[in-house]
């Protein structure tokens, strides 16, 4: 899916649903490897949401994207996927991106 089609609000909603499900399962089930993996994946994605929100801010102008691309080390303004952005380590640079946005 094209990153420019990603809705930060929808991501937050889905992560909240998965977090609630994980919490319910943790309360009912004995700890197991599958639940642990799911919990880690949900937590990992949840940590990326602030950066997704920064990058999906509709008010970003060309000057913002230029600075973001400098931070990312690649053109991430159009036609990229969430995986492409993750592979570039962009989520690890959320604090820098926040300053630009």
N, C-alpha and C. Protein backbone atom coordinates (compact mmCIF):
# COMPACT_ATOMS: atom_id res chain seq x y z
N UNK A 1 0.83 -1.18 0.00
CA UNK A 1 0.00 0.00 0.00
C UNK A 1 0.89 1.25 0.00
N UNK A 2 0.53 2.20 -0.81
CA UNK A 2 1.24 3.47 -0.90
C UNK A 2 1.14 4.19 0.44
N UNK A 3 2.28 4.61 0.96
CA UNK A 3 2.30 5.28 2.25
C UNK A 3 1.43 6.53 2.27
N UNK A 4 1.30 7.19 1.14
CA UNK A 4 0.47 8.39 1.08
C UNK A 4 -1.02 8.10 1.24
N UNK A 5 -1.38 6.83 1.22
CA UNK A 5 -2.77 6.42 1.44
C UNK A 5 -3.01 5.97 2.89
N UNK A 6 -1.94 5.91 3.67
CA UNK A 6 -2.05 5.45 5.05
C UNK A 6 -2.69 6.55 5.90
N UNK A 7 -3.65 6.16 6.72
CA UNK A 7 -4.30 7.07 7.64
C UNK A 7 -3.74 6.84 9.04
N UNK A 8 -3.14 7.87 9.61
CA UNK A 8 -2.59 7.74 10.96
C UNK A 8 -3.70 7.42 11.95
N UNK A 9 -4.86 8.02 11.77
CA UNK A 9 -5.99 7.76 12.67
C UNK A 9 -6.44 6.30 12.59
N UNK A 10 -6.47 5.77 11.38
CA UNK A 10 -6.86 4.37 11.21
C UNK A 10 -5.82 3.45 11.84
N UNK A 11 -4.54 3.79 11.70
CA UNK A 11 -3.47 3.01 12.34
C UNK A 11 -3.66 3.00 13.85
N UNK A 12 -3.94 4.15 14.42
CA UNK A 12 -4.15 4.24 15.87
C UNK A 12 -5.33 3.38 16.30
N UNK A 13 -6.39 3.42 15.52
CA UNK A 13 -7.60 2.65 15.84
C UNK A 13 -7.29 1.15 15.81
N UNK A 14 -6.60 0.70 14.79
CA UNK A 14 -6.27 -0.72 14.66
C UNK A 14 -5.34 -1.18 15.77
N UNK A 15 -4.33 -0.36 16.07
CA UNK A 15 -3.40 -0.71 17.15
C UNK A 15 -4.13 -0.80 18.48
N UNK A 16 -5.06 0.11 18.71
CA UNK A 16 -5.84 0.07 19.94
C UNK A 16 -6.64 -1.23 20.03
N UNK A 17 -7.25 -1.64 18.92
CA UNK A 17 -8.03 -2.88 18.90
C UNK A 17 -7.12 -4.08 19.18
N UNK A 18 -5.97 -4.12 18.52
CA UNK A 18 -5.04 -5.23 18.75
C UNK A 18 -4.51 -5.22 20.18
N UNK A 19 -4.23 -4.05 20.72
CA UNK A 19 -3.75 -3.96 22.11
C UNK A 19 -4.79 -4.50 23.08
N UNK A 20 -6.04 -4.14 22.85
CA UNK A 20 -7.12 -4.64 23.71
C UNK A 20 -7.24 -6.15 23.60
N UNK A 21 -7.13 -6.67 22.39
CA UNK A 21 -7.19 -8.12 22.19
C UNK A 21 -6.04 -8.82 22.90
N UNK A 22 -4.85 -8.27 22.77
CA UNK A 22 -3.68 -8.86 23.44
C UNK A 22 -3.88 -8.84 24.96
N UNK A 23 -4.38 -7.73 25.48
CA UNK A 23 -4.62 -7.65 26.92
C UNK A 23 -5.65 -8.66 27.38
N UNK A 24 -6.71 -8.83 26.61
CA UNK A 24 -7.73 -9.82 26.94
C UNK A 24 -7.15 -11.23 26.93
N UNK A 25 -6.36 -11.52 25.90
CA UNK A 25 -5.75 -12.85 25.80
C UNK A 25 -4.75 -13.08 26.93
N UNK A 26 -4.00 -12.06 27.29
CA UNK A 26 -3.05 -12.19 28.40
C UNK A 26 -3.78 -12.50 29.70
N UNK A 27 -4.96 -11.93 29.88
CA UNK A 27 -5.73 -12.15 31.10
C UNK A 27 -6.32 -13.57 31.13
N UNK A 28 -6.65 -14.12 29.96
CA UNK A 28 -7.31 -15.42 29.89
C UNK A 28 -6.35 -16.59 29.71
N UNK A 29 -5.29 -16.36 28.99
CA UNK A 29 -4.40 -17.45 28.60
C UNK A 29 -3.12 -17.45 29.43
N UNK A 30 -2.51 -18.61 29.46
CA UNK A 30 -1.16 -18.69 30.00
C UNK A 30 -0.23 -18.09 28.96
N UNK A 31 0.84 -17.46 29.39
CA UNK A 31 1.78 -16.89 28.41
C UNK A 31 2.26 -17.96 27.43
N UNK A 32 2.31 -17.58 26.17
CA UNK A 32 2.82 -18.50 25.15
C UNK A 32 3.57 -17.71 24.09
N UNK A 33 4.29 -18.43 23.26
CA UNK A 33 5.17 -17.80 22.29
C UNK A 33 4.39 -16.97 21.25
N UNK A 34 3.27 -17.47 20.78
CA UNK A 34 2.48 -16.77 19.77
C UNK A 34 1.96 -15.45 20.32
N UNK A 35 1.43 -15.49 21.51
CA UNK A 35 0.91 -14.28 22.14
C UNK A 35 2.03 -13.28 22.40
N UNK A 36 3.17 -13.78 22.78
CA UNK A 36 4.34 -12.92 23.01
C UNK A 36 4.78 -12.23 21.72
N UNK A 37 4.81 -12.97 20.63
CA UNK A 37 5.19 -12.40 19.33
C UNK A 37 4.18 -11.33 18.92
N UNK A 38 2.89 -11.63 19.07
CA UNK A 38 1.85 -10.67 18.72
C UNK A 38 1.98 -9.41 19.56
N UNK A 39 2.20 -9.58 20.85
CA UNK A 39 2.33 -8.43 21.75
C UNK A 39 3.52 -7.55 21.34
N UNK A 40 4.63 -8.17 20.99
CA UNK A 40 5.82 -7.42 20.56
C UNK A 40 5.58 -6.69 19.25
N UNK A 41 4.88 -7.33 18.32
CA UNK A 41 4.60 -6.69 17.03
C UNK A 41 3.66 -5.49 17.20
N UNK A 42 2.66 -5.65 18.05
CA UNK A 42 1.73 -4.54 18.31
C UNK A 42 2.48 -3.38 18.96
N UNK A 43 3.31 -3.67 19.95
CA UNK A 43 4.09 -2.62 20.62
C UNK A 43 5.05 -1.94 19.65
N UNK A 44 5.66 -2.71 18.77
CA UNK A 44 6.58 -2.16 17.79
C UNK A 44 5.86 -1.20 16.84
N UNK A 45 4.70 -1.63 16.34
CA UNK A 45 3.96 -0.76 15.42
C UNK A 45 3.44 0.47 16.14
N UNK A 46 3.00 0.29 17.38
CA UNK A 46 2.48 1.42 18.17
C UNK A 46 3.56 2.49 18.32
N UNK A 47 4.79 2.09 18.47
CA UNK A 47 5.89 3.06 18.63
C UNK A 47 6.15 3.86 17.35
N UNK A 48 5.67 3.37 16.22
CA UNK A 48 5.87 4.05 14.93
C UNK A 48 4.78 5.07 14.62
N UNK A 49 3.68 5.02 15.32
CA UNK A 49 2.54 5.87 15.01
C UNK A 49 2.87 7.37 15.09
N UNK A 50 3.59 7.84 16.11
CA UNK A 50 3.91 9.28 16.10
C UNK A 50 4.63 9.72 14.82
N UNK A 51 5.58 8.93 14.36
CA UNK A 51 6.31 9.27 13.13
C UNK A 51 5.37 9.23 11.93
N UNK A 52 4.49 8.26 11.89
CA UNK A 52 3.50 8.20 10.80
C UNK A 52 2.66 9.46 10.80
N UNK A 53 2.27 9.90 11.99
CA UNK A 53 1.48 11.14 12.09
C UNK A 53 2.27 12.33 11.57
N UNK A 54 3.53 12.42 11.92
CA UNK A 54 4.36 13.53 11.42
C UNK A 54 4.42 13.51 9.90
N UNK A 55 4.68 12.32 9.35
CA UNK A 55 4.86 12.21 7.90
C UNK A 55 3.56 12.37 7.12
N UNK A 56 2.44 12.14 7.76
CA UNK A 56 1.15 12.25 7.08
C UNK A 56 0.46 13.60 7.35
N UNK A 57 1.17 14.52 7.96
CA UNK A 57 0.62 15.85 8.22
C UNK A 57 0.31 16.53 6.89
N UNK A 58 -0.94 16.89 6.66
CA UNK A 58 -1.32 17.47 5.36
C UNK A 58 -0.67 18.83 5.07
N UNK A 59 -0.22 19.52 6.10
CA UNK A 59 0.36 20.85 5.90
C UNK A 59 1.82 20.83 5.45
N UNK A 60 2.40 19.66 5.29
CA UNK A 60 3.80 19.60 4.87
C UNK A 60 3.98 20.18 3.47
N UNK A 61 4.96 21.02 3.34
CA UNK A 61 5.29 21.67 2.06
C UNK A 61 6.56 21.04 1.49
N UNK A 62 6.91 21.46 0.29
CA UNK A 62 8.12 20.94 -0.36
C UNK A 62 9.36 21.13 0.51
N UNK A 63 9.45 22.27 1.19
CA UNK A 63 10.62 22.53 2.05
C UNK A 63 10.69 21.53 3.20
N UNK A 64 9.52 21.14 3.72
CA UNK A 64 9.50 20.13 4.78
C UNK A 64 9.98 18.79 4.24
N UNK A 65 9.45 18.42 3.07
CA UNK A 65 9.82 17.14 2.47
C UNK A 65 11.30 17.09 2.12
N UNK A 66 11.83 18.20 1.71
CA UNK A 66 13.26 18.27 1.40
C UNK A 66 14.09 17.97 2.65
N UNK A 67 13.70 18.57 3.77
CA UNK A 67 14.41 18.33 5.03
C UNK A 67 14.20 16.89 5.50
N UNK A 68 12.99 16.37 5.36
CA UNK A 68 12.70 14.99 5.76
C UNK A 68 13.51 14.01 4.91
N UNK A 69 13.58 14.26 3.62
CA UNK A 69 14.35 13.38 2.74
C UNK A 69 15.83 13.41 3.09
N UNK A 70 16.31 14.56 3.52
CA UNK A 70 17.71 14.66 3.96
C UNK A 70 17.93 13.78 5.21
N UNK A 71 16.99 13.85 6.15
CA UNK A 71 17.06 13.03 7.36
C UNK A 71 16.97 11.54 7.01
N UNK A 72 16.04 11.20 6.12
CA UNK A 72 15.80 9.80 5.75
C UNK A 72 16.90 9.24 4.85
N UNK A 73 17.56 10.12 4.13
CA UNK A 73 18.59 9.67 3.21
C UNK A 73 18.02 9.12 1.91
N UNK A 74 16.76 9.42 1.65
CA UNK A 74 16.10 8.94 0.44
C UNK A 74 14.82 9.74 0.21
N UNK A 75 14.29 9.68 -1.01
CA UNK A 75 13.03 10.33 -1.33
C UNK A 75 11.88 9.47 -0.82
N UNK A 76 11.20 9.95 0.19
CA UNK A 76 10.07 9.20 0.73
C UNK A 76 8.76 9.97 0.60
N UNK A 77 8.76 10.99 -0.23
CA UNK A 77 7.59 11.86 -0.34
C UNK A 77 6.45 11.25 -1.15
N UNK A 78 6.76 10.37 -2.10
CA UNK A 78 5.71 9.81 -2.95
C UNK A 78 6.06 8.40 -3.40
N UNK A 79 5.01 7.60 -3.57
CA UNK A 79 5.15 6.28 -4.17
C UNK A 79 5.97 5.29 -3.38
N UNK A 80 5.97 5.41 -2.05
CA UNK A 80 6.71 4.46 -1.23
C UNK A 80 5.74 3.73 -0.30
N UNK A 81 6.21 2.64 0.26
CA UNK A 81 5.40 1.85 1.18
C UNK A 81 5.90 2.04 2.61
N UNK A 82 5.10 1.60 3.55
CA UNK A 82 5.50 1.62 4.95
C UNK A 82 6.78 0.82 5.14
N UNK A 83 6.88 -0.30 4.46
CA UNK A 83 8.08 -1.15 4.56
C UNK A 83 9.31 -0.42 4.04
N UNK A 84 9.17 0.31 2.92
CA UNK A 84 10.28 1.07 2.35
C UNK A 84 10.77 2.10 3.37
N UNK A 85 9.83 2.78 4.00
CA UNK A 85 10.19 3.80 5.00
C UNK A 85 10.87 3.16 6.20
N UNK A 86 10.35 2.03 6.63
CA UNK A 86 10.94 1.32 7.76
C UNK A 86 12.35 0.84 7.42
N UNK A 87 12.53 0.31 6.22
CA UNK A 87 13.84 -0.19 5.80
C UNK A 87 14.89 0.92 5.78
N UNK A 88 14.46 2.17 5.60
CA UNK A 88 15.39 3.31 5.58
C UNK A 88 15.70 3.82 6.99
N UNK A 89 15.10 3.21 8.01
CA UNK A 89 15.35 3.61 9.39
C UNK A 89 14.68 4.92 9.77
N UNK A 90 13.66 5.30 9.01
CA UNK A 90 13.00 6.58 9.25
C UNK A 90 12.34 6.63 10.62
N UNK A 91 11.75 5.54 11.07
CA UNK A 91 11.06 5.54 12.35
C UNK A 91 12.02 5.76 13.51
N UNK A 92 13.28 5.40 13.31
CA UNK A 92 14.29 5.63 14.35
C UNK A 92 14.68 7.11 14.42
N UNK A 93 14.27 7.88 13.43
CA UNK A 93 14.63 9.29 13.36
C UNK A 93 13.41 10.19 13.61
N UNK A 94 12.43 9.67 14.34
CA UNK A 94 11.17 10.39 14.56
C UNK A 94 11.40 11.73 15.25
N UNK A 95 12.31 11.80 16.20
CA UNK A 95 12.56 13.07 16.91
C UNK A 95 13.06 14.14 15.94
N UNK A 96 13.94 13.77 15.03
CA UNK A 96 14.45 14.72 14.03
C UNK A 96 13.33 15.15 13.09
N UNK A 97 12.51 14.20 12.68
CA UNK A 97 11.41 14.50 11.76
C UNK A 97 10.38 15.39 12.43
N UNK A 98 10.15 15.16 13.71
CA UNK A 98 9.18 15.98 14.47
C UNK A 98 9.60 17.45 14.43
N UNK A 99 10.89 17.70 14.56
CA UNK A 99 11.40 19.09 14.53
C UNK A 99 11.10 19.77 13.20
N UNK A 100 11.14 19.02 12.12
CA UNK A 100 10.88 19.56 10.78
C UNK A 100 9.40 19.84 10.58
N UNK A 101 8.57 18.96 11.11
CA UNK A 101 7.13 19.06 10.89
C UNK A 101 6.52 20.11 11.77
